[in-house]
Amino acid sequence: MKPELKARYKSDPFFQVPRTYKKTAEGEVQLPIYFLDTSNLIAIFKADEDGVAKLLEGTGLSSGLSLAGNPLVFISFYEYRESTVGAYNEVGIAIPVIPEGMKRPKNGYLDLLRSTDESVIGWHIVNLPVTTELANAAGQEIWGYPKFVTQIPFKMDKSSFSSEVKDPGNGSIMRLQGKLNFGIKAPALSGVTYSHLNKKLLRSSINARGSYKAYLAHRMKLSIGGSQHNMAKNLRELGLDNSRPIAVLSSHDFQSRLSDGAEVN
């Protein structure tokens, strides 16, 4: 880790929280994981209702956010240049969800802006490819995230974005690319994930900060390759091939803490 970043996070209240250690197949991981220097792009899509229902079947979770009758799906792209588990790239397909038995908030969009201690709507991650074995082991063994290791090229500047998830076997799973036009200031989204580990539902907090821009006018397009990988099949199930996001958020100074999960009773 760069000395200046290490010195900065040691004196920054955002990163001054109690920490513990957990062992994984690839080594010990300190929790919360700190992400100190990150570029992030979030693309928001309207998805197929039946496809979302199928991917949530048996999870004890239901779709938590919709627009004009269509459930929403978020695809997030990360370039972690500095973190306490090393540098790596990541892409997450996430469905906003509510666990069965929890009261649905009156306004789901406002719920997303609440603190991680108060929010009900969280993220169910459908696929989460990464580029390193340590990030893969930590995600699978600590949170039960559906990770796999592959190549994820990432390029983002002020006016354009391009990223791809390669099939670990051969070919391409998906690609998102296009132009970003004028953006307006937007908040960073902290939140929670709902995942399953050893048949238990876990709720895990992600506290985030950073300077974001929101783009409603853009030229972004998602395309799915000829891959038969599970991630490609899920994207097709969601009806996202050759689709355009309804909105895009981006940041070059994203920081976050990913905490250990707590069992949902």
Protein backbone atom coordinates (compact mmCIF):
# COMPACT_ATOMS: atom_id res chain seq x y z
CA MET A 1 0.00 0.00 0.00
CA LYS A 2 1.21 3.52 -0.78
CA PRO A 3 2.66 5.12 2.39
CA GLU A 4 0.57 8.28 2.00
CA LEU A 5 -2.67 6.26 1.77
CA LYS A 6 -1.72 4.11 4.75
CA ALA A 7 -0.98 7.20 6.84
CA ARG A 8 -4.22 8.85 5.71
CA TYR A 9 -6.54 5.98 6.59
CA LYS A 10 -4.89 5.44 9.97
CA SER A 11 -5.78 9.01 10.95
CA ASP A 12 -9.19 9.12 9.24
CA PRO A 13 -12.27 8.55 11.48
CA PHE A 14 -14.03 6.82 8.57
CA PHE A 15 -11.49 3.99 8.87
CA GLN A 16 -11.20 3.98 12.67
CA VAL A 17 -13.54 1.13 13.58
CA PRO A 18 -12.99 -2.12 15.53
CA ARG A 19 -11.42 -4.85 13.40
CA THR A 20 -11.23 -8.62 13.51
CA TYR A 21 -9.50 -11.32 11.46
CA LYS A 22 -10.88 -14.25 9.50
CA LYS A 23 -8.96 -17.02 7.76
CA THR A 24 -9.64 -17.97 4.15
CA ALA A 25 -8.13 -20.50 1.78
CA GLU A 26 -5.99 -17.69 0.34
CA GLY A 27 -4.87 -16.16 3.64
CA GLU A 28 -6.04 -14.05 6.53
CA VAL A 29 -8.44 -11.15 5.92
CA GLN A 30 -8.99 -8.23 8.29
CA LEU A 31 -12.58 -7.00 8.67
CA PRO A 32 -14.01 -4.59 7.79
CA ILE A 33 -12.22 -4.60 4.45
CA TYR A 34 -11.15 -1.06 3.55
CA PHE A 35 -11.35 0.21 -0.02
CA LEU A 36 -9.24 3.34 -0.12
CA ASP A 37 -8.81 4.35 -3.76
CA THR A 38 -11.47 3.26 -6.23
CA SER A 39 -13.16 4.21 -9.48
CA ASN A 40 -16.77 3.03 -9.71
CA LEU A 41 -19.52 3.11 -12.31
CA ILE A 42 -23.08 1.99 -11.51
CA ALA A 43 -25.54 1.31 -14.35
CA ILE A 44 -29.24 1.01 -13.47
CA PHE A 45 -31.52 -1.09 -15.70
CA LYS A 46 -35.19 -1.96 -15.95
CA ALA A 47 -35.29 -5.77 -15.95
CA ASP A 48 -37.73 -8.51 -16.88
CA GLU A 49 -40.16 -9.17 -14.01
CA ASP A 50 -40.31 -12.94 -14.55
CA GLY A 51 -36.54 -13.12 -14.86
CA VAL A 52 -36.02 -11.30 -11.55
CA ALA A 53 -38.58 -13.55 -9.84
CA LYS A 54 -36.82 -16.65 -11.16
CA LEU A 55 -33.39 -15.52 -9.89
CA LEU A 56 -34.87 -14.73 -6.45
CA GLU A 57 -36.78 -18.01 -6.17
CA GLY A 58 -35.92 -19.84 -2.96
CA THR A 59 -33.83 -17.00 -1.51
CA GLY A 60 -36.43 -15.67 0.93
CA LEU A 61 -36.07 -12.29 -0.80
CA SER A 62 -38.36 -10.27 -3.05
CA SER A 63 -37.73 -7.41 -5.45
CA GLY A 64 -37.52 -4.15 -3.53
CA LEU A 65 -37.38 -1.43 -6.18
CA SER A 66 -39.23 -0.88 -9.44
CA LEU A 67 -39.95 1.78 -12.03
CA ALA A 68 -43.12 1.85 -14.14
CA GLY A 69 -43.84 -1.72 -13.15
CA ASN A 70 -40.39 -3.05 -13.99
CA PRO A 71 -38.03 -4.27 -11.26
CA LEU A 72 -34.64 -2.55 -11.24
CA VAL A 73 -31.24 -4.21 -11.47
CA PHE A 74 -27.94 -2.49 -10.76
CA ILE A 75 -24.64 -3.48 -12.38
CA SER A 76 -21.60 -2.00 -10.63
CA PHE A 77 -18.07 -1.88 -12.00
CA TYR A 78 -15.12 -1.31 -9.65
CA GLU A 79 -11.44 -0.62 -10.14
CA TYR A 80 -9.96 -1.03 -6.65
CA ARG A 81 -6.52 0.53 -6.93
CA GLU A 82 -5.86 0.28 -3.17
CA SER A 83 -7.61 -1.92 -0.61
CA THR A 84 -6.67 -3.99 2.41
CA VAL A 85 -7.05 -7.13 0.26
CA GLY A 86 -4.96 -5.72 -2.59
CA ALA A 87 -5.71 -4.16 -5.96
CA TYR A 88 -8.32 -5.83 -8.16
CA ASN A 89 -11.33 -5.22 -10.41
CA GLU A 90 -14.88 -6.40 -9.79
CA VAL A 91 -18.34 -6.37 -11.40
CA GLY A 92 -21.55 -7.03 -9.48
CA ILE A 93 -25.06 -7.76 -10.76
CA ALA A 94 -27.29 -6.74 -7.85
CA ILE A 95 -31.07 -6.83 -7.38
CA PRO A 96 -32.54 -4.46 -4.77
CA VAL A 97 -34.44 -6.76 -2.39
CA ILE A 98 -36.41 -7.01 0.85
CA PRO A 99 -36.28 -10.13 3.07
CA GLU A 100 -39.57 -11.93 3.67
CA GLY A 101 -41.27 -10.72 6.83
CA MET A 102 -39.74 -7.25 6.78
CA LYS A 103 -42.05 -4.29 6.36
CA ARG A 104 -41.71 -2.67 2.95
CA PRO A 105 -40.68 1.02 3.22
CA LYS A 106 -43.12 3.65 1.99
CA ASN A 107 -40.53 5.01 -0.45
CA GLY A 108 -37.87 2.59 -1.65
CA TYR A 109 -35.74 5.30 -3.24
CA LEU A 110 -35.54 7.26 0.01
CA ASP A 111 -34.73 4.04 1.84
CA LEU A 112 -31.59 3.68 -0.30
CA LEU A 113 -30.37 7.01 1.10
CA ARG A 114 -30.80 5.98 4.74
CA SER A 115 -27.91 4.81 6.91
CA THR A 116 -26.93 1.14 6.88
CA ASP A 117 -28.38 0.83 10.39
CA GLU A 118 -31.82 1.97 9.19
CA SER A 119 -32.24 0.80 5.60
CA VAL A 120 -34.47 -2.17 4.79
CA ILE A 121 -33.82 -2.54 1.07
CA GLY A 122 -30.50 -4.23 0.35
CA TRP A 123 -28.65 -5.87 -2.52
CA HIS A 124 -28.87 -9.50 -3.52
CA ILE A 125 -25.82 -10.18 -5.66
CA VAL A 126 -26.45 -12.53 -8.55
CA ASN A 127 -22.87 -12.69 -9.86
CA LEU A 128 -19.67 -11.03 -8.65
CA PRO A 129 -16.59 -11.74 -10.79
CA VAL A 130 -13.22 -10.50 -9.52
CA THR A 131 -9.65 -10.55 -10.79
CA THR A 132 -7.73 -12.02 -7.81
CA GLU A 133 -7.86 -15.27 -5.87
CA LEU A 134 -7.78 -13.53 -2.46
CA ALA A 135 -10.81 -11.35 -3.28
CA ASN A 136 -12.58 -14.45 -4.58
CA ALA A 137 -11.89 -16.54 -1.47
CA ALA A 138 -12.83 -13.74 0.93
CA GLY A 139 -16.14 -13.08 -0.82
CA GLN A 140 -17.16 -16.72 -1.03
CA GLU A 141 -16.00 -17.90 2.39
CA ILE A 142 -16.93 -14.90 4.56
CA TRP A 143 -20.16 -13.68 2.91
CA GLY A 144 -21.24 -16.43 0.50
CA TYR A 145 -21.01 -14.06 -2.46
CA PRO A 146 -21.22 -15.76 -5.91
CA LYS A 147 -17.70 -14.84 -7.01
CA PHE A 148 -15.42 -16.28 -9.66
CA VAL A 149 -12.04 -15.20 -11.02
CA THR A 150 -11.62 -13.83 -14.51
CA GLN A 151 -10.26 -10.88 -16.48
CA ILE A 152 -12.12 -7.57 -16.17
CA PRO A 153 -10.62 -4.72 -18.22
CA PHE A 154 -11.80 -1.32 -16.95
CA LYS A 155 -11.42 2.13 -18.50
CA MET A 156 -13.24 5.29 -17.43
CA ASP A 157 -12.52 8.95 -18.13
CA LYS A 158 -14.58 12.14 -17.98
CA SER A 159 -16.65 11.37 -21.06
CA SER A 160 -16.58 7.62 -21.72
CA PHE A 161 -16.57 4.20 -20.10
CA SER A 162 -15.70 0.68 -21.19
CA SER A 163 -15.52 -2.55 -19.25
CA GLU A 164 -15.89 -6.22 -20.03
CA VAL A 165 -16.22 -9.48 -18.10
CA LYS A 166 -14.27 -12.22 -19.84
CA ASP A 167 -15.46 -15.82 -19.79
CA PRO A 168 -12.87 -17.78 -17.72
CA GLY A 169 -13.06 -20.46 -20.39
CA ASN A 170 -13.10 -18.46 -23.59
CA GLY A 171 -14.80 -15.44 -25.10
CA SER A 172 -16.81 -12.66 -23.50
CA ILE A 173 -19.64 -12.74 -20.94
CA MET A 174 -20.68 -9.09 -21.17
CA ARG A 175 -19.52 -5.61 -22.08
CA LEU A 176 -20.76 -2.15 -21.13
CA GLN A 177 -19.43 0.81 -23.04
CA GLY A 178 -20.36 4.22 -24.36
CA LYS A 179 -20.24 7.97 -23.87
CA LEU A 180 -21.09 9.90 -20.73
CA ASN A 181 -22.57 13.33 -21.31
CA PHE A 182 -23.29 16.10 -18.79
CA GLY A 183 -23.63 14.80 -15.23
CA ILE A 184 -25.06 16.30 -12.05
CA LYS A 185 -23.81 15.87 -8.50
CA ALA A 186 -25.12 12.76 -6.72
CA PRO A 187 -24.61 11.12 -3.30
CA ALA A 188 -22.55 8.01 -2.66
CA LEU A 189 -24.79 5.07 -1.77
CA SER A 190 -24.03 3.17 1.41
CA GLY A 191 -26.10 0.03 1.78
CA VAL A 192 -26.40 -3.57 2.86
CA THR A 193 -26.15 -6.88 1.07
CA TYR A 194 -28.28 -9.95 1.74
CA SER A 195 -26.38 -13.15 1.02
CA HIS A 196 -26.52 -16.81 1.97
CA LEU A 197 -23.72 -18.69 3.76
CA ASN A 198 -24.18 -22.21 5.15
CA LYS A 199 -27.94 -21.90 4.54
CA LYS A 200 -28.15 -18.76 6.69
CA LEU A 201 -29.21 -15.30 5.47
CA LEU A 202 -26.57 -12.67 6.23
CA ARG A 203 -26.98 -8.89 6.33
CA SER A 204 -23.71 -7.04 5.72
CA SER A 205 -23.08 -3.29 5.77
CA ILE A 206 -21.16 -1.32 3.15
CA ASN A 207 -20.44 2.22 4.33
CA ALA A 208 -19.44 4.40 1.39
CA ARG A 209 -18.38 7.92 0.51
CA GLY A 210 -17.16 9.73 -2.60
CA SER A 211 -17.97 12.38 -5.18
CA TYR A 212 -20.47 11.01 -7.69
CA LYS A 213 -22.07 12.28 -10.86
CA ALA A 214 -25.40 11.03 -12.16
CA TYR A 215 -26.03 10.77 -15.90
CA LEU A 216 -29.51 10.49 -17.37
CA ALA A 217 -28.38 11.46 -20.86
CA HIS A 218 -25.72 9.01 -22.01
CA ARG A 219 -24.83 6.58 -24.78
CA MET A 220 -24.14 3.49 -22.71
CA LYS A 221 -25.12 0.04 -23.97
CA LEU A 222 -24.84 -3.43 -22.47
CA SER A 223 -24.13 -6.37 -24.75
CA ILE A 224 -23.94 -10.05 -23.81
CA GLY A 225 -21.41 -12.26 -25.58
CA GLY A 226 -21.94 -15.79 -26.86
CA SER A 227 -20.79 -17.25 -23.52
CA GLN A 228 -22.78 -19.99 -21.81
CA HIS A 229 -21.38 -19.04 -18.41
CA ASN A 230 -23.90 -18.75 -15.57
CA MET A 231 -23.43 -14.96 -15.49
CA ALA A 232 -24.29 -14.63 -19.19
CA LYS A 233 -27.36 -16.83 -18.68
CA ASN A 234 -28.49 -14.68 -15.75
CA LEU A 235 -28.13 -11.48 -17.78
CA ARG A 236 -30.24 -13.01 -20.55
CA GLU A 237 -32.81 -14.14 -17.97
CA LEU A 238 -33.02 -10.52 -16.79
CA GLY A 239 -33.66 -9.39 -20.38
CA LEU A 240 -30.63 -7.09 -20.49
CA ASP A 241 -28.98 -7.97 -23.81
CA ASN A 242 -28.50 -4.86 -25.97
CA SER A 243 -30.19 -2.75 -23.30
CA ARG A 244 -29.41 0.79 -22.22
CA PRO A 245 -29.29 1.90 -18.58
CA ILE A 246 -31.99 4.29 -17.44
CA ALA A 247 -29.31 6.09 -15.39
CA VAL A 248 -25.60 5.89 -14.66
CA LEU A 249 -23.56 6.99 -11.62
CA SER A 250 -19.79 7.36 -11.59
CA SER A 251 -16.99 8.30 -9.21
CA HIS A 252 -13.19 8.42 -9.28
CA ASP A 253 -12.76 8.81 -5.50
CA PHE A 254 -15.00 6.12 -4.04
CA GLN A 255 -14.09 4.75 -0.59
CA SER A 256 -15.89 2.15 1.50
CA ARG A 257 -15.85 -0.29 4.40
CA LEU A 258 -17.26 -3.80 3.93
CA SER A 259 -18.22 -5.30 7.30
CA ASP A 260 -18.72 -8.88 8.40
CA GLY A 261 -22.22 -10.26 8.02
CA ALA A 262 -24.83 -10.72 10.75
CA GLU A 263 -27.38 -13.52 10.62
CA VAL A 264 -30.93 -12.40 9.86
CA ASN A 265 -33.34 -14.11 12.22
